[in-house]
Protein backbone atom coordinates (compact mmCIF):
# COMPACT_ATOMS: atom_id res chain seq x y z
CA MET A 1 -8.84 29.35 12.03
CA SER A 2 -8.94 26.06 13.94
CA ASN A 3 -6.16 23.75 12.61
CA VAL A 4 -7.62 20.69 14.66
CA ILE A 5 -8.41 17.52 12.35
CA ILE A 6 -9.95 15.37 15.13
CA ASP A 7 -11.47 16.23 17.83
CA LEU A 8 -12.86 13.78 20.83
CA LYS A 9 -14.76 14.88 23.59
CA ASN A 10 -15.46 13.13 26.58
CA ILE A 11 -15.51 9.69 24.72
CA ASP A 12 -16.74 6.64 26.92
CA ILE A 13 -16.11 3.04 25.79
CA THR A 14 -18.48 0.31 27.45
CA PHE A 15 -18.88 -3.34 26.26
CA THR A 16 -19.75 -6.41 27.68
CA GLN A 17 -17.42 -9.07 27.86
CA LYS A 18 -18.27 -12.87 29.56
CA ARG A 19 -20.93 -11.30 31.38
CA ARG A 20 -18.89 -8.75 32.81
CA THR A 21 -19.19 -4.57 32.04
CA ILE A 22 -15.63 -3.24 30.97
CA GLN A 23 -15.40 0.45 30.54
CA ALA A 24 -12.62 0.54 28.28
CA VAL A 25 -12.36 4.33 27.65
CA LYS A 26 -13.47 7.01 30.29
CA ASP A 27 -13.71 10.54 29.61
CA VAL A 28 -11.36 10.83 27.01
CA SER A 29 -10.94 14.24 25.36
CA ILE A 30 -8.10 14.98 23.23
CA GLN A 31 -8.02 17.76 19.99
CA ILE A 32 -5.35 16.31 17.55
CA GLU A 33 -3.88 19.32 15.10
CA LYS A 34 -3.34 18.65 11.15
CA GLY A 35 -0.09 17.30 10.04
CA ASP A 36 0.90 16.12 13.44
CA ILE A 37 2.13 13.09 14.64
CA TYR A 38 0.37 12.44 17.84
CA GLY A 39 1.94 9.55 20.08
CA ILE A 40 -0.18 7.15 22.02
CA VAL A 41 1.40 5.10 25.22
CA GLY A 42 0.43 3.14 27.77
CA TYR A 43 0.04 -0.52 29.33
CA SER A 44 -1.40 -3.37 27.41
CA GLY A 45 -5.25 -2.61 28.44
CA ALA A 46 -5.22 0.71 28.99
CA GLY A 47 -7.80 1.47 26.02
CA LYS A 48 -4.90 2.53 23.30
CA SER A 49 -6.63 0.41 20.24
CA THR A 50 -9.92 1.12 21.63
CA LEU A 51 -9.80 4.69 21.04
CA VAL A 52 -8.05 4.74 17.95
CA ARG A 53 -10.70 2.26 16.77
CA ALA A 54 -13.40 4.95 17.78
CA ILE A 55 -11.83 7.61 15.42
CA ASN A 56 -12.80 5.67 12.25
CA LEU A 57 -16.34 4.35 14.08
CA LEU A 58 -14.84 0.48 14.18
CA GLN A 59 -15.81 1.19 17.43
CA VAL A 60 -18.64 2.65 18.50
CA PRO A 61 -18.90 5.05 21.50
CA THR A 62 -20.88 4.77 24.42
CA ALA A 63 -21.03 8.32 24.79
CA GLY A 64 -19.20 11.59 24.14
CA LYS A 65 -18.52 13.25 20.44
CA ILE A 66 -16.14 12.38 17.88
CA THR A 67 -15.56 15.55 14.94
CA ILE A 68 -13.42 14.81 11.95
CA GLY A 69 -12.31 17.61 9.70
CA LYS A 70 -15.57 19.78 10.00
CA ASP A 71 -17.93 16.55 10.41
CA VAL A 72 -19.46 15.25 13.47
CA THR A 73 -19.40 11.85 13.00
CA PHE A 74 -20.34 10.74 16.73
CA GLN A 75 -22.51 12.58 19.19
CA ASP A 76 -25.26 11.82 21.81
CA GLY A 77 -24.64 8.62 21.63
CA GLN A 78 -25.45 7.86 17.89
CA VAL A 79 -23.61 7.41 14.65
CA GLN A 80 -24.13 11.17 12.88
CA LEU A 81 -23.27 9.68 9.06
CA THR A 82 -25.37 7.92 6.76
CA THR A 83 -23.81 4.82 5.79
CA LYS A 84 -22.65 6.05 2.44
CA GLU A 85 -21.22 8.97 4.52
CA LEU A 86 -19.35 6.56 6.73
CA ARG A 87 -17.91 4.36 3.85
CA GLN A 88 -16.49 7.73 2.55
CA LYS A 89 -15.25 9.35 5.55
CA ARG A 90 -13.31 6.11 6.39
CA GLN A 91 -11.65 5.91 2.92
CA THR A 92 -9.97 9.14 4.84
CA ILE A 93 -8.35 7.60 7.49
CA GLY A 94 -5.67 4.54 6.43
CA MET A 95 -5.05 2.07 9.22
CA ILE A 96 -1.43 0.17 9.76
CA PHE A 97 -1.36 -3.01 11.68
CA GLN A 98 1.33 -4.98 13.29
CA HIS A 99 0.86 -7.75 10.99
CA PHE A 100 1.22 -7.11 7.18
CA ASN A 101 -1.80 -7.16 4.91
CA LEU A 102 0.01 -7.82 1.79
CA MET A 103 -1.27 -9.97 -1.16
CA SER A 104 1.22 -12.92 -1.14
CA GLN A 105 1.28 -13.65 -4.86
CA LYS A 106 1.84 -9.97 -6.15
CA THR A 107 5.51 -8.13 -5.90
CA ALA A 108 5.62 -5.02 -4.02
CA GLU A 109 4.88 -2.73 -6.95
CA GLU A 110 1.86 -4.62 -7.73
CA ASN A 111 0.44 -4.48 -4.01
CA VAL A 112 0.39 -0.94 -4.01
CA ALA A 113 -1.07 -1.06 -7.39
CA PHE A 114 -3.79 -2.44 -5.51
CA ALA A 115 -4.74 0.46 -4.18
CA LEU A 116 -5.04 3.06 -6.92
CA LYS A 117 -7.30 0.27 -8.93
CA HIS A 118 -10.58 2.44 -8.77
CA SER A 119 -8.00 5.68 -8.86
CA GLY A 120 -9.29 6.34 -12.30
CA LEU A 121 -5.39 7.32 -13.05
CA SER A 122 -4.04 5.67 -16.60
CA GLU A 123 -1.89 2.82 -16.26
CA LYS A 124 1.26 5.15 -17.19
CA ASP A 125 0.20 7.48 -14.25
CA LYS A 126 -0.32 4.39 -12.07
CA LYS A 127 3.24 3.07 -12.92
CA ALA A 128 4.85 7.01 -12.26
CA LYS A 129 3.01 7.03 -8.88
CA VAL A 130 3.69 3.81 -7.34
CA THR A 131 7.12 4.60 -8.35
CA GLU A 132 7.00 7.54 -6.91
CA LEU A 133 5.61 5.69 -3.06
CA LEU A 134 7.87 2.90 -3.33
CA ASP A 135 10.77 5.87 -3.57
CA LEU A 136 9.34 7.63 -0.48
CA VAL A 137 9.52 4.47 1.82
CA GLY A 138 12.85 3.26 0.11
CA LEU A 139 11.90 0.48 -1.42
CA ALA A 140 12.52 1.32 -5.20
CA ASP A 141 14.72 -1.21 -5.73
CA ARG A 142 12.42 -4.10 -4.09
CA ALA A 143 9.52 -3.48 -6.74
CA GLU A 144 9.97 -6.13 -8.19
CA ASN A 145 10.52 -8.70 -5.29
CA TYR A 146 7.05 -10.60 -3.10
CA PRO A 147 6.43 -10.08 -0.12
CA SER A 148 8.35 -13.48 0.88
CA GLN A 149 11.66 -11.77 -0.42
CA LEU A 150 11.02 -9.09 1.86
CA SER A 151 12.02 -8.47 5.49
CA GLY A 152 9.49 -7.31 8.47
CA GLY A 153 9.96 -3.97 7.85
CA GLN A 154 10.43 -3.12 4.40
CA LYS A 155 7.16 -5.36 4.32
CA GLN A 156 5.32 -2.61 6.88
CA ARG A 157 6.68 0.03 4.19
CA VAL A 158 5.12 -1.59 1.33
CA ALA A 159 2.07 -1.98 3.55
CA ILE A 160 2.39 1.96 4.04
CA ALA A 161 2.86 2.54 0.45
CA GLY A 162 -0.37 0.89 -0.25
CA ILE A 163 -2.31 3.06 2.48
CA VAL A 164 -1.03 6.76 1.44
CA ALA A 165 -1.55 5.50 -2.23
CA MET A 166 -4.84 6.62 -1.25
CA ARG A 167 -4.25 9.46 0.29
CA PRO A 168 -5.73 9.56 3.40
CA SER A 169 -5.82 12.41 5.18
CA ILE A 170 -5.13 10.48 8.59
CA LEU A 171 -2.55 7.49 8.98
CA ILE A 172 -3.23 5.60 12.56
CA LEU A 173 -0.09 3.20 13.12
CA ASP A 174 -1.26 0.51 15.87
CA GLU A 175 1.55 -1.19 17.16
CA ALA A 176 2.85 -0.87 13.64
CA THR A 177 6.95 -1.77 14.56
CA SER A 178 6.24 -4.16 17.60
CA MET A 179 7.04 -7.34 15.23
CA LEU A 180 10.18 -5.43 13.71
CA ASP A 181 13.77 -5.44 14.56
CA PRO A 182 15.43 -2.54 15.22
CA GLU A 183 16.53 -2.26 11.95
CA GLY A 184 13.29 -2.67 10.65
CA ARG A 185 11.91 0.29 13.27
CA GLN A 186 14.27 2.77 12.23
CA GLU A 187 13.22 1.78 8.51
CA LEU A 188 9.66 2.30 9.05
CA ILE A 189 10.29 5.74 11.79
CA GLN A 190 12.51 7.37 8.23
CA SER A 191 9.31 6.13 6.21
CA ILE A 192 6.82 8.15 8.79
CA LYS A 193 8.65 11.18 8.04
CA ALA A 194 9.01 11.22 5.00
CA ILE A 195 5.56 10.68 4.31
CA ARG A 196 4.34 13.43 6.70
CA LYS A 197 7.03 16.03 5.18
CA GLU A 198 5.93 15.08 1.76
CA TYR A 199 1.74 14.68 2.05
CA GLY A 200 1.82 16.70 5.35
CA MET A 201 -0.15 13.55 6.60
CA THR A 202 -1.74 13.44 10.38
CA VAL A 203 -0.20 9.97 11.53
CA LEU A 204 -1.56 8.78 15.09
CA SER A 205 0.49 5.77 16.84
CA ILE A 206 0.38 3.52 19.12
CA THR A 207 3.68 2.10 20.30
CA HIS A 208 6.23 1.00 23.02
CA ASP A 209 9.11 2.32 20.60
CA LEU A 210 10.71 5.05 22.15
CA ASP A 211 12.31 6.34 19.06
CA GLU A 212 9.05 6.32 17.25
CA VAL A 213 7.52 8.46 20.66
CA ALA A 214 10.49 10.31 20.21
CA LEU A 215 9.15 11.76 16.94
CA SER A 216 5.88 12.53 17.89
CA ASP A 217 4.96 16.52 18.23
CA ARG A 218 2.28 15.19 20.82
CA VAL A 219 2.06 12.11 23.32
CA LEU A 220 -0.93 10.82 24.67
CA VAL A 221 -0.57 8.38 28.20
CA LEU A 222 -3.45 6.27 28.81
CA LYS A 223 -3.59 5.31 32.16
CA LYS A 224 -6.94 2.11 32.78
CA GLY A 225 -8.97 3.82 30.11
CA LYS A 226 -8.58 7.45 30.74
CA VAL A 227 -5.74 10.78 30.09
CA GLU A 228 -2.86 10.30 32.57
CA SER A 229 -1.03 13.18 30.13
CA VAL A 230 -0.49 15.11 27.33
CA SER A 231 2.93 16.24 26.66
CA SER A 232 5.56 16.46 24.59
CA PRO A 233 8.10 13.92 24.45
CA ARG A 234 10.52 15.74 25.57
CA GLU A 235 8.27 16.59 29.20
CA LEU A 236 7.53 12.90 29.22
CA PHE A 237 11.21 11.79 28.71
CA SER A 238 11.92 14.25 31.64
CA ARG A 239 9.36 12.20 34.17
CA GLY A 240 12.48 9.61 34.54
CA THR A 241 11.50 6.38 36.61
CA GLU A 242 8.03 7.09 36.44
CA LEU A 243 8.05 5.90 33.12
CA VAL A 244 8.29 2.15 34.02
CA ASP A 245 5.04 2.93 35.80
CA LEU A 246 3.44 3.88 32.51
CA GLY A 247 4.55 1.13 30.25
CA LEU A 248 7.65 2.36 28.41
CA ASP A 249 11.25 2.02 29.28
CA ILE A 250 13.27 4.81 30.17
CA PRO A 251 15.15 5.77 27.31
CA PHE A 252 18.79 5.69 27.41
CA SER A 253 20.03 8.90 26.94
CA ALA A 254 17.84 9.72 30.56
CA LEU A 255 19.53 6.65 32.38
CA LEU A 256 23.29 7.88 31.00
CA THR A 257 22.63 11.37 31.74
CA GLN A 258 21.91 10.73 35.35
CA LYS A 259 24.44 8.44 35.98
CA LEU A 260 26.84 11.57 34.46
CA ARG A 261 25.08 14.26 36.70
CA ASN A 262 25.65 11.87 39.65
CA LYS A 263 29.29 11.88 38.79
CA GLY A 264 28.85 15.45 38.58
CA LEU A 265 30.24 15.44 34.55
CA ILE A 266 26.60 17.52 33.86
CA GLU A 267 24.75 19.93 35.75
CA CYS A 268 21.64 19.75 33.27
CA GLU A 269 18.49 18.53 34.82
CA ASP A 270 16.24 18.35 32.33
CA TYR A 271 16.10 15.24 29.73
CA LEU A 272 18.57 15.68 26.88
CA THR A 273 18.56 14.22 23.65
CA GLU A 274 21.73 11.93 22.57
CA LYS A 275 23.03 14.65 20.50
CA GLU A 276 22.39 17.32 23.32
CA LEU A 277 24.10 15.12 25.81
CA VAL A 278 27.20 14.76 23.67
CA GLU A 279 27.21 18.39 23.41
CA GLN A 280 26.72 18.76 27.19
CA LEU A 281 29.56 16.30 27.94
CA TRP A 282 32.06 17.83 25.49
CA GLU A 283 31.26 21.30 26.89
CA SER A 284 31.68 19.86 30.66
CA LEU A 285 35.40 17.93 29.62
CA SER A 286 36.62 20.79 27.85
CA LYS A 287 36.16 22.95 31.33
CA MET A 288 38.67 20.62 32.94
């Protein structure tokens, strides 16, 4: 039985801008399995956001086929759902952007509770659910704070808690960590891990952050609107200096591994995580 929750086949997206025809996405085919964290990387203008917006048909493709769960949503140049069906399908897909979509006059818990306004839950159950979600994203002690009293990372985590409250099956993060400092990025990444573990949610993450990429099960590299590669993070990071041409930094552990290899301190040719690098170095030093 297939575990694929998102299936894009031969997706083209073309639009006109200032009398110019732009093909933003060219013949992209990918499959994403339920419960996976799927990273999407590439230079600005590579087509990442355009492709992701096609998943919930905020951007209608020019050609190709889109299947979400068991439903074909787009095929033969036409949206396959009625307006009502499309609205219902979009409710199963949550999106978080780099800007914080919080109501400034409401506290953290009120922002999350707003997502449950039409849930049918009693006030008591709503409050319990809000407490559970804020705890999941590590903000139980910030429930009564207003957005102005929260850091960037904390605001993003409140926004995620609000989206998760609606129990989407798919969560899309569009450069959600790009405006955050290193601490804020790490906090958000930990929240994503907790949400995936708790709810088995499928997460799509457009990112330039290497820690976020490392969290992924699979990573799609887009280049000029086309699929450059789909691989595991380890396989991607093993490409070394090629990463710069793909709009990514070279991981610190990869740079350090190369220097230690050049000095003859380690022999491994593969990409090593920081933990694996430390283990290799200790093993090498113990033989001296």
